[in-house]
Amino acid sequence: MQSPTRIELHRKSQELEISFSDATYHLSAEFLRVHSPSAEVKGHGPGQEVLQHGKQHVGIQTLEPNGHYAIRILFDDGHDSGIYSWSYLAELGKNQESMWQNYLQKLDDAGLSRDPDTQIIRLG
């Protein structure tokens, strides 16, 4: 996998801009947080994923290089265990729209919200 040519954290919009030689992606802090590659989110095997919710206002505190192949993102909700490889970041960028729609559907199916201050009760 090719390395990015530029990585920029836009603090005001809480968006990570990552450029590769063939594409540039804009990934929100919330999108990155709910798709963290950490075991806390992905689990330790298929079917062990933990659906993240209430992360609409999460922010990125800082980015840390992890060797020459990845970055670690430290979020303001305390999550800091995901190592985002260049290939994973490119995958997130390329599939962002479908992954986001899938995430929103899973939230809806589970009766959960992106907003940490919202509780959903299903009737009937």
PDB file of N, CA and C in Angstrom:
ATOM      1  N   MET A   1       0.849  -1.196   0.000  1.00  0.00           N
ATOM      2  CA  MET A   1       0.000   0.000   0.000  1.00  0.00           C
ATOM      3  C   MET A   1       0.879   1.238   0.000  1.00  0.00           C
ATOM      4  N   GLN A   2       0.491   2.171  -0.799  1.00  0.00           N
ATOM      5  CA  GLN A   2       1.221   3.425  -0.851  1.00  0.00           C
ATOM      6  C   GLN A   2       0.990   4.269   0.402  1.00  0.00           C
ATOM      7  N   SER A   3       1.987   5.036   0.737  1.00  0.00           N
ATOM      8  CA  SER A   3       1.869   5.953   1.868  1.00  0.00           C
ATOM      9  C   SER A   3       1.139   7.206   1.419  1.00  0.00           C
ATOM     10  N   PRO A   4       0.454   7.880   2.340  1.00  0.00           N
ATOM     11  CA  PRO A   4      -0.198   9.137   1.977  1.00  0.00           C
ATOM     12  C   PRO A   4       0.852  10.204   1.649  1.00  0.00           C
ATOM     13  N   THR A   5       0.450  11.134   0.818  1.00  0.00           N
ATOM     14  CA  THR A   5       1.324  12.252   0.483  1.00  0.00           C
ATOM     15  C   THR A   5       1.109  13.413   1.443  1.00  0.00           C
ATOM     16  N   ARG A   6      -0.049  13.408   2.126  1.00  0.00           N
ATOM     17  CA  ARG A   6      -0.366  14.490   3.073  1.00  0.00           C
ATOM     18  C   ARG A   6      -1.464  14.022   4.017  1.00  0.00           C
ATOM     19  N   ILE A   7      -1.319  14.380   5.283  1.00  0.00           N
ATOM     20  CA  ILE A   7      -2.355  14.137   6.291  1.00  0.00           C
ATOM     21  C   ILE A   7      -2.546  15.442   7.037  1.00  0.00           C
ATOM     22  N   GLU A   8      -3.774  15.893   7.100  1.00  0.00           N
ATOM     23  CA  GLU A   8      -4.047  17.168   7.762  1.00  0.00           C
ATOM     24  C   GLU A   8      -5.298  17.035   8.633  1.00  0.00           C
ATOM     25  N   LEU A   9      -5.184  17.448   9.876  1.00  0.00           N
ATOM     26  CA  LEU A   9      -6.319  17.463  10.792  1.00  0.00           C
ATOM     27  C   LEU A   9      -6.887  18.876  10.822  1.00  0.00           C
ATOM     28  N   HIS A  10      -8.127  19.008  10.406  1.00  0.00           N
ATOM     29  CA  HIS A  10      -8.831  20.296  10.453  1.00  0.00           C
ATOM     30  C   HIS A  10      -9.585  20.334  11.780  1.00  0.00           C
ATOM     31  N   ARG A  11      -9.052  21.062  12.726  1.00  0.00           N
ATOM     32  CA  ARG A  11      -9.608  21.053  14.085  1.00  0.00           C
ATOM     33  C   ARG A  11     -11.008  21.639  14.158  1.00  0.00           C
ATOM     34  N   LYS A  12     -11.259  22.711  13.421  1.00  0.00           N
ATOM     35  CA  LYS A  12     -12.569  23.351  13.514  1.00  0.00           C
ATOM     36  C   LYS A  12     -13.681  22.423  13.020  1.00  0.00           C
ATOM     37  N   SER A  13     -13.469  21.774  11.883  1.00  0.00           N
ATOM     38  CA  SER A  13     -14.490  20.880  11.326  1.00  0.00           C
ATOM     39  C   SER A  13     -14.363  19.450  11.856  1.00  0.00           C
ATOM     40  N   GLN A  14     -13.279  19.166  12.619  1.00  0.00           N
ATOM     41  CA  GLN A  14     -13.014  17.830  13.137  1.00  0.00           C
ATOM     42  C   GLN A  14     -13.040  16.803  11.999  1.00  0.00           C
ATOM     43  N   GLU A  15     -12.245  17.113  10.992  1.00  0.00           N
ATOM     44  CA  GLU A  15     -12.161  16.274   9.815  1.00  0.00           C
ATOM     45  C   GLU A  15     -10.701  15.978   9.504  1.00  0.00           C
ATOM     46  N   LEU A  16     -10.436  14.734   9.161  1.00  0.00           N
ATOM     47  CA  LEU A  16      -9.104  14.328   8.749  1.00  0.00           C
ATOM     48  C   LEU A  16      -9.076  14.333   7.229  1.00  0.00           C
ATOM     49  N   GLU A  17      -8.140  15.078   6.671  1.00  0.00           N
ATOM     50  CA  GLU A  17      -7.940  15.091   5.226  1.00  0.00           C
ATOM     51  C   GLU A  17      -6.690  14.269   4.949  1.00  0.00           C
ATOM     52  N   ILE A  18      -6.849  13.233   4.151  1.00  0.00           N
ATOM     53  CA  ILE A  18      -5.718  12.375   3.838  1.00  0.00           C
ATOM     54  C   ILE A  18      -5.609  12.236   2.326  1.00  0.00           C
ATOM     55  N   SER A  19      -4.439  12.553   1.816  1.00  0.00           N
ATOM     56  CA  SER A  19      -4.205  12.514   0.376  1.00  0.00           C
ATOM     57  C   SER A  19      -3.223  11.413   0.021  1.00  0.00           C
ATOM     58  N   PHE A  20      -3.591  10.656  -0.986  1.00  0.00           N
ATOM     59  CA  PHE A  20      -2.710   9.674  -1.602  1.00  0.00           C
ATOM     60  C   PHE A  20      -2.405  10.213  -3.001  1.00  0.00           C
ATOM     61  N   SER A  21      -1.515   9.580  -3.724  1.00  0.00           N
ATOM     62  CA  SER A  21      -1.150  10.086  -5.044  1.00  0.00           C
ATOM     63  C   SER A  21      -2.334  10.126  -6.002  1.00  0.00           C
ATOM     64  N   ASP A  22      -3.337   9.265  -5.783  1.00  0.00           N
ATOM     65  CA  ASP A  22      -4.467   9.182  -6.708  1.00  0.00           C
ATOM     66  C   ASP A  22      -5.799   9.691  -6.156  1.00  0.00           C
ATOM     67  N   ALA A  23      -5.856  10.064  -4.888  1.00  0.00           N
ATOM     68  CA  ALA A  23      -7.134  10.487  -4.301  1.00  0.00           C
ATOM     69  C   ALA A  23      -6.916  11.216  -2.985  1.00  0.00           C
ATOM     70  N   THR A  24      -7.881  12.071  -2.641  1.00  0.00           N
ATOM     71  CA  THR A  24      -7.905  12.759  -1.350  1.00  0.00           C
ATOM     72  C   THR A  24      -9.252  12.464  -0.702  1.00  0.00           C
ATOM     73  N   TYR A  25      -9.213  12.125   0.582  1.00  0.00           N
ATOM     74  CA  TYR A  25     -10.429  11.796   1.314  1.00  0.00           C
ATOM     75  C   TYR A  25     -10.579  12.731   2.514  1.00  0.00           C
ATOM     76  N   HIS A  26     -11.828  13.038   2.837  1.00  0.00           N
ATOM     77  CA  HIS A  26     -12.173  13.845   4.009  1.00  0.00           C
ATOM     78  C   HIS A  26     -13.011  12.950   4.916  1.00  0.00           C
ATOM     79  N   LEU A  27     -12.449  12.599   6.070  1.00  0.00           N
ATOM     80  CA  LEU A  27     -13.098  11.670   6.981  1.00  0.00           C
ATOM     81  C   LEU A  27     -13.404  12.372   8.298  1.00  0.00           C
ATOM     82  N   SER A  28     -14.669  12.360   8.692  1.00  0.00           N
ATOM     83  CA  SER A  28     -15.060  13.039   9.931  1.00  0.00           C
ATOM     84  C   SER A  28     -14.556  12.263  11.142  1.00  0.00           C
ATOM     85  N   ALA A  29     -14.412  12.971  12.243  1.00  0.00           N
ATOM     86  CA  ALA A  29     -13.997  12.340  13.494  1.00  0.00           C
ATOM     87  C   ALA A  29     -14.991  11.247  13.891  1.00  0.00           C
ATOM     88  N   GLU A  30     -16.269  11.519  13.743  1.00  0.00           N
ATOM     89  CA  GLU A  30     -17.290  10.527  14.103  1.00  0.00           C
ATOM     90  C   GLU A  30     -17.146   9.276  13.238  1.00  0.00           C
ATOM     91  N   PHE A  31     -16.961   9.440  11.939  1.00  0.00           N
ATOM     92  CA  PHE A  31     -16.807   8.296  11.038  1.00  0.00           C
ATOM     93  C   PHE A  31     -15.589   7.467  11.431  1.00  0.00           C
ATOM     94  N   LEU A  32     -14.476   8.147  11.696  1.00  0.00           N
ATOM     95  CA  LEU A  32     -13.262   7.436  12.099  1.00  0.00           C
ATOM     96  C   LEU A  32     -13.453   6.725  13.431  1.00  0.00           C
ATOM     97  N   ARG A  33     -14.139   7.357  14.356  1.00  0.00           N
ATOM     98  CA  ARG A  33     -14.335   6.777  15.691  1.00  0.00           C
ATOM     99  C   ARG A  33     -15.201   5.525  15.640  1.00  0.00           C
ATOM    100  N   VAL A  34     -16.308   5.587  14.899  1.00  0.00           N
ATOM    101  CA  VAL A  34     -17.214   4.435  14.883  1.00  0.00           C
ATOM    102  C   VAL A  34     -16.672   3.293  14.019  1.00  0.00           C
ATOM    103  N   HIS A  35     -15.671   3.595  13.191  1.00  0.00           N
ATOM    104  CA  HIS A  35     -15.029   2.562  12.375  1.00  0.00           C
ATOM    105  C   HIS A  35     -13.596   2.304  12.840  1.00  0.00           C
ATOM    106  N   SER A  36     -13.341   2.542  14.105  1.00  0.00           N
ATOM    107  CA  SER A  36     -12.005   2.298  14.647  1.00  0.00           C
ATOM    108  C   SER A  36     -11.607   0.841  14.443  1.00  0.00           C
ATOM    109  N   PRO A  37     -10.354   0.604  14.052  1.00  0.00           N
ATOM    110  CA  PRO A  37      -9.896  -0.777  13.882  1.00  0.00           C
ATOM    111  C   PRO A  37      -9.538  -1.464  15.196  1.00  0.00           C
ATOM    112  N   SER A  38      -9.823  -0.847  16.308  1.00  0.00           N
ATOM    113  CA  SER A  38      -9.463  -1.410  17.620  1.00  0.00           C
ATOM    114  C   SER A  38     -10.315  -2.628  17.972  1.00  0.00           C
ATOM    115  N   ALA A  39      -9.801  -3.448  18.857  1.00  0.00           N
ATOM    116  CA  ALA A  39     -10.547  -4.611  19.342  1.00  0.00           C
ATOM    117  C   ALA A  39     -11.793  -4.168  20.104  1.00  0.00           C
ATOM    118  N   GLU A  40     -11.743  -2.993  20.727  1.00  0.00           N
ATOM    119  CA  GLU A  40     -12.897  -2.465  21.454  1.00  0.00           C
ATOM    120  C   GLU A  40     -14.098  -2.290  20.526  1.00  0.00           C
ATOM    121  N   VAL A  41     -13.842  -1.966  19.264  1.00  0.00           N
ATOM    122  CA  VAL A  41     -14.905  -1.745  18.280  1.00  0.00           C
ATOM    123  C   VAL A  41     -15.107  -2.978  17.401  1.00  0.00           C
ATOM    124  N   LYS A  42     -14.037  -3.527  16.879  1.00  0.00           N
ATOM    125  CA  LYS A  42     -14.109  -4.659  15.945  1.00  0.00           C
ATOM    126  C   LYS A  42     -14.301  -5.999  16.644  1.00  0.00           C
ATOM    127  N   GLY A  43     -13.981  -6.063  17.929  1.00  0.00           N
ATOM    128  CA  GLY A  43     -14.029  -7.330  18.635  1.00  0.00           C
ATOM    129  C   GLY A  43     -12.793  -8.152  18.301  1.00  0.00           C
ATOM    130  N   HIS A  44     -12.789  -9.380  18.762  1.00  0.00           N
ATOM    131  CA  HIS A  44     -11.640 -10.260  18.537  1.00  0.00           C
ATOM    132  C   HIS A  44     -11.921 -11.305  17.471  1.00  0.00           C
ATOM    133  N   GLY A  45     -13.035 -11.152  16.780  1.00  0.00           N
ATOM    134  CA  GLY A  45     -13.370 -12.087  15.719  1.00  0.00           C
ATOM    135  C   GLY A  45     -14.711 -11.730  15.112  1.00  0.00           C
ATOM    136  N   PRO A  46     -15.066 -12.406  14.022  1.00  0.00           N
ATOM    137  CA  PRO A  46     -16.344 -12.131  13.360  1.00  0.00           C
ATOM    138  C   PRO A  46     -17.526 -12.274  14.317  1.00  0.00           C
ATOM    139  N   GLY A  47     -18.442 -11.337  14.232  1.00  0.00           N
ATOM    140  CA  GLY A  47     -19.626 -11.367  15.076  1.00  0.00           C
ATOM    141  C   GLY A  47     -19.435 -10.749  16.447  1.00  0.00           C
ATOM    142  N   GLN A  48     -18.238 -10.279  16.750  1.00  0.00           N
ATOM    143  CA  GLN A  48     -17.973  -9.682  18.059  1.00  0.00           C
ATOM    144  C   GLN A  48     -17.893  -8.157  18.006  1.00  0.00           C
ATOM    145  N   GLU A  49     -18.260  -7.573  16.870  1.00  0.00           N
ATOM    146  CA  GLU A  49     -18.226  -6.127  16.729  1.00  0.00           C
ATOM    147  C   GLU A  49     -19.129  -5.463  17.760  1.00  0.00           C
ATOM    148  N   VAL A  50     -18.732  -4.288  18.223  1.00  0.00           N
ATOM    149  CA  VAL A  50     -19.525  -3.527  19.186  1.00  0.00           C
ATOM    150  C   VAL A  50     -19.991  -2.251  18.488  1.00  0.00           C
ATOM    151  N   LEU A  51     -21.296  -2.146  18.275  1.00  0.00           N
ATOM    152  CA  LEU A  51     -21.856  -0.990  17.589  1.00  0.00           C
ATOM    153  C   LEU A  51     -21.648   0.263  18.439  1.00  0.00           C
ATOM    154  N   GLN A  52     -20.966   1.223  17.891  1.00  0.00           N
ATOM    155  CA  GLN A  52     -20.702   2.482  18.578  1.00  0.00           C
ATOM    156  C   GLN A  52     -21.880   3.419  18.359  1.00  0.00           C
ATOM    157  N   HIS A  53     -22.295   4.112  19.398  1.00  0.00           N
ATOM    158  CA  HIS A  53     -23.397   5.066  19.262  1.00  0.00           C
ATOM    159  C   HIS A  53     -23.114   6.268  20.152  1.00  0.00           C
ATOM    160  N   GLY A  54     -23.841   7.354  19.904  1.00  0.00           N
ATOM    161  CA  GLY A  54     -23.653   8.567  20.703  1.00  0.00           C
ATOM    162  C   GLY A  54     -22.338   9.273  20.433  1.00  0.00           C
ATOM    163  N   LYS A  55     -21.786   9.098  19.250  1.00  0.00           N
ATOM    164  CA  LYS A  55     -20.461   9.668  18.934  1.00  0.00           C
ATOM    165  C   LYS A  55     -20.542  10.870  17.995  1.00  0.00           C
ATOM    166  N   GLN A  56     -21.715  11.435  17.827  1.00  0.00           N
ATOM    167  CA  GLN A  56     -21.922  12.532  16.889  1.00  0.00           C
ATOM    168  C   GLN A  56     -21.003  13.724  17.150  1.00  0.00           C
ATOM    169  N   HIS A  57     -20.703  14.002  18.399  1.00  0.00           N
ATOM    170  CA  HIS A  57     -19.914  15.193  18.736  1.00  0.00           C
ATOM    171  C   HIS A  57     -18.472  14.869  19.127  1.00  0.00           C
ATOM    172  N   VAL A  58     -18.034  13.651  18.881  1.00  0.00           N
ATOM    173  CA  VAL A  58     -16.670  13.265  19.243  1.00  0.00           C
ATOM    174  C   VAL A  58     -15.673  14.088  18.416  1.00  0.00           C
ATOM    175  N   GLY A  59     -14.554  14.371  19.036  1.00  0.00           N
ATOM    176  CA  GLY A  59     -13.510  15.124  18.356  1.00  0.00           C
ATOM    177  C   GLY A  59     -12.187  14.386  18.394  1.00  0.00           C
ATOM    178  N   ILE A  60     -11.272  14.842  17.572  1.00  0.00           N
ATOM    179  CA  ILE A  60      -9.930  14.276  17.549  1.00  0.00           C
ATOM    180  C   ILE A  60      -9.022  15.213  18.334  1.00  0.00           C
ATOM    181  N   GLN A  61      -8.348  14.667  19.327  1.00  0.00           N
ATOM    182  CA  GLN A  61      -7.405  15.470  20.104  1.00  0.00           C
ATOM    183  C   GLN A  61      -6.077  15.601  19.380  1.00  0.00           C
ATOM    184  N   THR A  62      -5.565  14.464  18.905  1.00  0.00           N
ATOM    185  CA  THR A  62      -4.262  14.497  18.243  1.00  0.00           C
ATOM    186  C   THR A  62      -4.064  13.238  17.405  1.00  0.00           C
ATOM    187  N   LEU A  63      -3.090  13.309  16.531  1.00  0.00           N
ATOM    188  CA  LEU A  63      -2.673  12.190  15.697  1.00  0.00           C
ATOM    189  C   LEU A  63      -1.245  11.848  16.084  1.00  0.00           C
ATOM    190  N   GLU A  64      -0.929  10.565  16.107  1.00  0.00           N
ATOM    191  CA  GLU A  64       0.438  10.136  16.391  1.00  0.00           C
ATOM    192  C   GLU A  64       0.891   9.178  15.311  1.00  0.00           C
ATOM    193  N   PRO A  65       2.076   9.389  14.736  1.00  0.00           N
ATOM    194  CA  PRO A  65       2.583   8.418  13.763  1.00  0.00           C
ATOM    195  C   PRO A  65       2.832   7.086  14.445  1.00  0.00           C
ATOM    196  N   ASN A  66       2.615   6.016  13.727  1.00  0.00           N
ATOM    197  CA  ASN A  66       2.875   4.674  14.227  1.00  0.00           C
ATOM    198  C   ASN A  66       3.746   3.990  13.182  1.00  0.00           C
ATOM    199  N   GLY A  67       5.035   4.080  13.356  1.00  0.00           N
ATOM    200  CA  GLY A  67       5.959   3.564  12.360  1.00  0.00           C
ATOM    201  C   GLY A  67       5.799   4.332  11.064  1.00  0.00           C
ATOM    202  N   HIS A  68       6.021   3.628   9.954  1.00  0.00           N
ATOM    203  CA  HIS A  68       5.883   4.243   8.631  1.00  0.00           C
ATOM    204  C   HIS A  68       4.663   3.725   7.902  1.00  0.00           C
ATOM    205  N   TYR A  69       3.735   3.125   8.658  1.00  0.00           N
ATOM    206  CA  TYR A  69       2.610   2.468   8.001  1.00  0.00           C
ATOM    207  C   TYR A  69       1.240   2.893   8.534  1.00  0.00           C
ATOM    208  N   ALA A  70       1.193   3.729   9.581  1.00  0.00           N
ATOM    209  CA  ALA A  70      -0.098   4.000  10.209  1.00  0.00           C
ATOM    210  C   ALA A  70      -0.034   5.232  11.110  1.00  0.00           C
ATOM    211  N   ILE A  71      -1.226   5.630  11.577  1.00  0.00           N
ATOM    212  CA  ILE A  71      -1.337   6.652  12.620  1.00  0.00           C
ATOM    213  C   ILE A  71      -2.261   6.113  13.705  1.00  0.00           C
ATOM    214  N   ARG A  72      -2.061   6.637  14.887  1.00  0.00           N
ATOM    215  CA  ARG A  72      -2.964   6.374  16.006  1.00  0.00           C
ATOM    216  C   ARG A  72      -3.726   7.662  16.225  1.00  0.00           C
ATOM    217  N   ILE A  73      -5.029   7.559  16.345  1.00  0.00           N
ATOM    218  CA  ILE A  73      -5.880   8.730  16.546  1.00  0.00           C
ATOM    219  C   ILE A  73      -6.363   8.730  17.984  1.00  0.00           C
ATOM    220  N   LEU A  74      -6.144   9.832  18.681  1.00  0.00           N
ATOM    221  CA  LEU A  74      -6.612   9.979  20.050  1.00  0.00           C
ATOM    222  C   LEU A  74      -7.852  10.863  20.025  1.00  0.00           C
ATOM    223  N   PHE A  75      -8.969  10.284  20.460  1.00  0.00           N
ATOM    224  CA  PHE A  75     -10.256  10.983  20.443  1.00  0.00           C
ATOM    225  C   PHE A  75     -10.549  11.586  21.805  1.00  0.00           C
ATOM    226  N   ASP A  76     -11.393  12.614  21.813  1.00  0.00           N
ATOM    227  CA  ASP A  76     -11.677  13.307  23.078  1.00  0.00           C
ATOM    228  C   ASP A  76     -12.638  12.550  23.992  1.00  0.00           C
ATOM    229  N   ASP A  77     -13.128  11.385  23.558  1.00  0.00           N
ATOM    230  CA  ASP A  77     -13.933  10.553  24.458  1.00  0.00           C
ATOM    231  C   ASP A  77     -13.066   9.513  25.163  1.00  0.00           C
ATOM    232  N   GLY A  78     -11.751   9.631  24.998  1.00  0.00           N
ATOM    233  CA  GLY A  78     -10.818   8.735  25.662  1.00  0.00           C
ATOM    234  C   GLY A  78     -10.365   7.558  24.819  1.00  0.00           C
ATOM    235  N   HIS A  79     -11.000   7.328  23.690  1.00  0.00           N
ATOM    236  CA  HIS A  79     -10.617   6.199  22.832  1.00  0.00           C
ATOM    237  C   HIS A  79      -9.286   6.516  22.148  1.00  0.00           C
ATOM    238  N   ASP A  80      -8.325   5.594  22.288  1.00  0.00           N
ATOM    239  CA  ASP A  80      -7.011   5.847  21.701  1.00  0.00           C
ATOM    240  C   ASP A  80      -6.297   4.565  21.269  1.00  0.00           C
ATOM    241  N   SER A  81      -7.038   3.474  21.138  1.00  0.00           N
ATOM    242  CA  SER A  81      -6.375   2.194  20.891  1.00  0.00           C
ATOM    243  C   SER A  81      -6.403   1.736  19.438  1.00  0.00           C
ATOM    244  N   GLY A  82      -7.000   2.496  18.550  1.00  0.00           N
ATOM    245  CA  GLY A  82      -7.050   2.082  17.151  1.00  0.00           C
ATOM    246  C   GLY A  82      -5.821   2.534  16.377  1.00  0.00           C
ATOM    247  N   ILE A  83      -5.211   1.607  15.637  1.00  0.00           N
ATOM    248  CA  ILE A  83      -4.087   1.921  14.761  1.00  0.00           C
ATOM    249  C   ILE A  83      -4.631   1.901  13.331  1.00  0.00           C
ATOM    250  N   TYR A  84      -4.649   3.056  12.701  1.00  0.00           N
ATOM    251  CA  TYR A  84      -5.209   3.222  11.360  1.00  0.00           C
ATOM    252  C   TYR A  84      -4.092   3.117  10.335  1.00  0.00           C
ATOM    253  N   SER A  85      -3.990   1.970   9.675  1.00  0.00           N
ATOM    254  CA  SER A  85      -2.958   1.780   8.648  1.00  0.00           C
ATOM    255  C   SER A  85      -3.320   2.592   7.410  1.00  0.00           C
ATOM    256  N   TRP A  86      -2.323   2.819   6.578  1.00  0.00           N
ATOM    257  CA  TRP A  86      -2.580   3.569   5.333  1.00  0.00           C
ATOM    258  C   TRP A  86      -3.628   2.839   4.500  1.00  0.00           C
ATOM    259  N   SER A  87      -3.526   1.511   4.421  1.00  0.00           N
ATOM    260  CA  SER A  87      -4.486   0.764   3.611  1.00  0.00           C
ATOM    261  C   SER A  87      -5.897   0.852   4.199  1.00  0.00           C
ATOM    262  N   TYR A  88      -6.016   0.842   5.537  1.00  0.00           N
ATOM    263  CA  TYR A  88      -7.337   0.951   6.155  1.00  0.00           C
ATOM    264  C   TYR A  88      -7.924   2.347   5.920  1.00  0.00           C
ATOM    265  N   LEU A  89      -7.112   3.381   6.033  1.00  0.00           N
ATOM    266  CA  LEU A  89      -7.592   4.743   5.775  1.00  0.00           C
ATOM    267  C   LEU A  89      -8.045   4.897   4.326  1.00  0.00           C
ATOM    268  N   ALA A  90      -7.307   4.295   3.390  1.00  0.00           N
ATOM    269  CA  ALA A  90      -7.710   4.345   1.981  1.00  0.00           C
ATOM    270  C   ALA A  90      -9.027   3.596   1.778  1.00  0.00           C
ATOM    271  N   GLU A  91      -9.174   2.449   2.449  1.00  0.00           N
ATOM    272  CA  GLU A  91     -10.427   1.682   2.372  1.00  0.00           C
ATOM    273  C   GLU A  91     -11.587   2.508   2.916  1.00  0.00           C
ATOM    274  N   LEU A  92     -11.386   3.169   4.057  1.00  0.00           N
ATOM    275  CA  LEU A  92     -12.429   4.021   4.622  1.00  0.00           C
ATOM    276  C   LEU A  92     -12.818   5.125   3.644  1.00  0.00           C
ATOM    277  N   GLY A  93     -11.819   5.746   3.042  1.00  0.00           N
ATOM    278  CA  GLY A  93     -12.095   6.818   2.088  1.00  0.00           C
ATOM    279  C   GLY A  93     -12.871   6.335   0.875  1.00  0.00           C
ATOM    280  N   LYS A  94     -12.430   5.234   0.297  1.00  0.00           N
ATOM    281  CA  LYS A  94     -13.069   4.700  -0.919  1.00  0.00           C
ATOM    282  C   LYS A  94     -14.489   4.231  -0.652  1.00  0.00           C
ATOM    283  N   ASN A  95     -14.740   3.702   0.517  1.00  0.00           N
ATOM    284  CA  ASN A  95     -16.047   3.099   0.830  1.00  0.00           C
ATOM    285  C   ASN A  95     -16.855   3.916   1.825  1.00  0.00           C
ATOM    286  N   GLN A  96     -16.501   5.165   2.001  1.00  0.00           N
ATOM    287  CA  GLN A  96     -17.096   5.989   3.044  1.00  0.00           C
ATOM    288  C   GLN A  96     -18.622   6.047   2.950  1.00  0.00           C
ATOM    289  N   GLU A  97     -19.151   6.302   1.796  1.00  0.00           N
ATOM    290  CA  GLU A  97     -20.606   6.472   1.668  1.00  0.00           C
ATOM    291  C   GLU A  97     -21.352   5.192   2.027  1.00  0.00           C
ATOM    292  N   SER A  98     -20.938   4.069   1.487  1.00  0.00           N
ATOM    293  CA  SER A  98     -21.648   2.814   1.785  1.00  0.00           C
ATOM    294  C   SER A  98     -21.452   2.398   3.239  1.00  0.00           C
ATOM    295  N   MET A  99     -20.260   2.610   3.769  1.00  0.00           N
ATOM    296  CA  MET A  99     -20.012   2.270   5.181  1.00  0.00           C
ATOM    297  C   MET A  99     -20.852   3.136   6.105  1.00  0.00           C
ATOM    298  N   TRP A 100     -20.990   4.411   5.754  1.00  0.00           N
ATOM    299  CA  TRP A 100     -21.785   5.329   6.575  1.00  0.00           C
ATOM    300  C   TRP A 100     -23.259   4.929   6.557  1.00  0.00           C
ATOM    301  N   GLN A 101     -23.786   4.624   5.373  1.00  0.00           N
ATOM    302  CA  GLN A 101     -25.190   4.221   5.269  1.00  0.00           C
ATOM    303  C   GLN A 101     -25.438   2.919   6.024  1.00  0.00           C
ATOM    304  N   ASN A 102     -24.514   1.994   5.940  1.00  0.00           N
ATOM    305  CA  ASN A 102     -24.613   0.732   6.668  1.00  0.00           C
ATOM    306  C   ASN A 102     -24.617   0.977   8.180  1.00  0.00           C
ATOM    307  N   TYR A 103     -23.751   1.874   8.623  1.00  0.00           N
ATOM    308  CA  TYR A 103     -23.685   2.234  10.044  1.00  0.00           C
ATOM    309  C   TYR A 103     -25.014   2.843  10.509  1.00  0.00           C
ATOM    310  N   LEU A 104     -25.546   3.788   9.738  1.00  0.00           N
ATOM    311  CA  LEU A 104     -26.816   4.424  10.106  1.00  0.00           C
ATOM    312  C   LEU A 104     -27.949   3.398  10.173  1.00  0.00           C
ATOM    313  N   GLN A 105     -27.937   2.434   9.264  1.00  0.00           N
ATOM    314  CA  GLN A 105     -28.963   1.389   9.273  1.00  0.00           C
ATOM    315  C   GLN A 105     -28.830   0.515  10.516  1.00  0.00           C
ATOM    316  N   LYS A 106     -27.602   0.173  10.879  1.00  0.00           N
ATOM    317  CA  LYS A 106     -27.387  -0.637  12.088  1.00  0.00           C
ATOM    318  C   LYS A 106     -27.858   0.104  13.337  1.00  0.00           C
ATOM    319  N   LEU A 107     -27.586   1.407  13.395  1.00  0.00           N
ATOM    320  CA  LEU A 107     -28.078   2.205  14.529  1.00  0.00           C
ATOM    321  C   LEU A 107     -29.598   2.155  14.592  1.00  0.00           C
ATOM    322  N   ASP A 108     -30.235   2.371  13.454  1.00  0.00           N
ATOM    323  CA  ASP A 108     -31.694   2.379  13.395  1.00  0.00           C
ATOM    324  C   ASP A 108     -32.251   1.022  13.807  1.00  0.00           C
ATOM    325  N   ASP A 109     -31.663  -0.044  13.278  1.00  0.00           N
ATOM    326  CA  ASP A 109     -32.122  -1.390  13.618  1.00  0.00           C
ATOM    327  C   ASP A 109     -31.991  -1.679  15.116  1.00  0.00           C
ATOM    328  N   ALA A 110     -30.963  -1.106  15.742  1.00  0.00           N
ATOM    329  CA  ALA A 110     -30.718  -1.333  17.172  1.00  0.00           C
ATOM    330  C   ALA A 110     -31.456  -0.344  18.064  1.00  0.00           C
ATOM    331  N   GLY A 111     -32.128   0.640  17.450  1.00  0.00           N
ATOM    332  CA  GLY A 111     -32.824   1.643  18.250  1.00  0.00           C
ATOM    333  C   GLY A 111     -31.876   2.581  18.962  1.00  0.00           C
ATOM    334  N   LEU A 112     -30.715   2.834  18.347  1.00  0.00           N
ATOM    335  CA  LEU A 112     -29.701   3.701  18.936  1.00  0.00           C
ATOM    336  C   LEU A 112     -29.567   4.985  18.126  1.00  0.00           C
ATOM    337  N   SER A 113     -28.870   5.963  18.697  1.00  0.00           N
ATOM    338  CA  SER A 113     -28.733   7.266  18.062  1.00  0.00           C
ATOM    339  C   SER A 113     -27.276   7.696  17.983  1.00  0.00           C
ATOM    340  N   ARG A 114     -26.985   8.545  17.016  1.00  0.00           N
ATOM    341  CA  ARG A 114     -25.677   9.181  16.918  1.00  0.00           C
ATOM    342  C   ARG A 114     -25.508  10.207  18.038  1.00  0.00           C
ATOM    343  N   ASP A 115     -26.620  10.773  18.503  1.00  0.00           N
ATOM    344  CA  ASP A 115     -26.604  11.821  19.514  1.00  0.00           C
ATOM    345  C   ASP A 115     -26.502  11.188  20.904  1.00  0.00           C
ATOM    346  N   PRO A 116     -25.480  11.567  21.683  1.00  0.00           N
ATOM    347  CA  PRO A 116     -25.327  10.960  23.012  1.00  0.00           C
ATOM    348  C   PRO A 116     -26.436  11.343  23.988  1.00  0.00           C
ATOM    349  N   ASP A 117     -27.193  12.377  23.671  1.00  0.00           N
ATOM    350  CA  ASP A 117     -28.256  12.843  24.576  1.00  0.00           C
ATOM    351  C   ASP A 117     -29.643  12.377  24.139  1.00  0.00           C
ATOM    352  N   THR A 118     -29.699  11.385  23.257  1.00  0.00           N
ATOM    353  CA  THR A 118     -30.976  10.903  22.749  1.00  0.00           C
ATOM    354  C   THR A 118     -31.173   9.437  23.088  1.00  0.00           C
ATOM    355  N   GLN A 119     -32.347   9.122  23.572  1.00  0.00           N
ATOM    356  CA  GLN A 119     -32.739   7.741  23.818  1.00  0.00           C
ATOM    357  C   GLN A 119     -33.946   7.464  22.931  1.00  0.00           C
ATOM    358  N   ILE A 120     -33.941   6.321  22.285  1.00  0.00           N
ATOM    359  CA  ILE A 120     -35.024   5.944  21.389  1.00  0.00           C
ATOM    360  C   ILE A 120     -35.786   4.778  22.006  1.00  0.00           C
ATOM    361  N   ILE A 121     -37.105   4.917  22.058  1.00  0.00           N
ATOM    362  CA  ILE A 121     -37.958   3.840  22.551  1.00  0.00           C
ATOM    363  C   ILE A 121     -38.896   3.460  21.417  1.00  0.00           C
ATOM    364  N   ARG A 122     -38.876   2.194  21.064  1.00  0.00           N
ATOM    365  CA  ARG A 122     -39.756   1.710  19.984  1.00  0.00           C
ATOM    366  C   ARG A 122     -41.057   1.200  20.586  1.00  0.00           C
ATOM    367  N   LEU A 123     -42.146   1.650  20.025  1.00  0.00           N
ATOM    368  CA  LEU A 123     -43.466   1.228  20.475  1.00  0.00           C
ATOM    369  C   LEU A 123     -44.085   0.330  19.424  1.00  0.00           C
ATOM    370  N   GLY A 124     -44.700  -0.713  19.863  1.00  0.00           N
ATOM    371  CA  GLY A 124     -45.413  -1.606  18.943  1.00  0.00           C
ATOM    372  C   GLY A 124     -44.532  -2.471  18.229  1.00  0.00           C
TER     373      GLY A 124
END
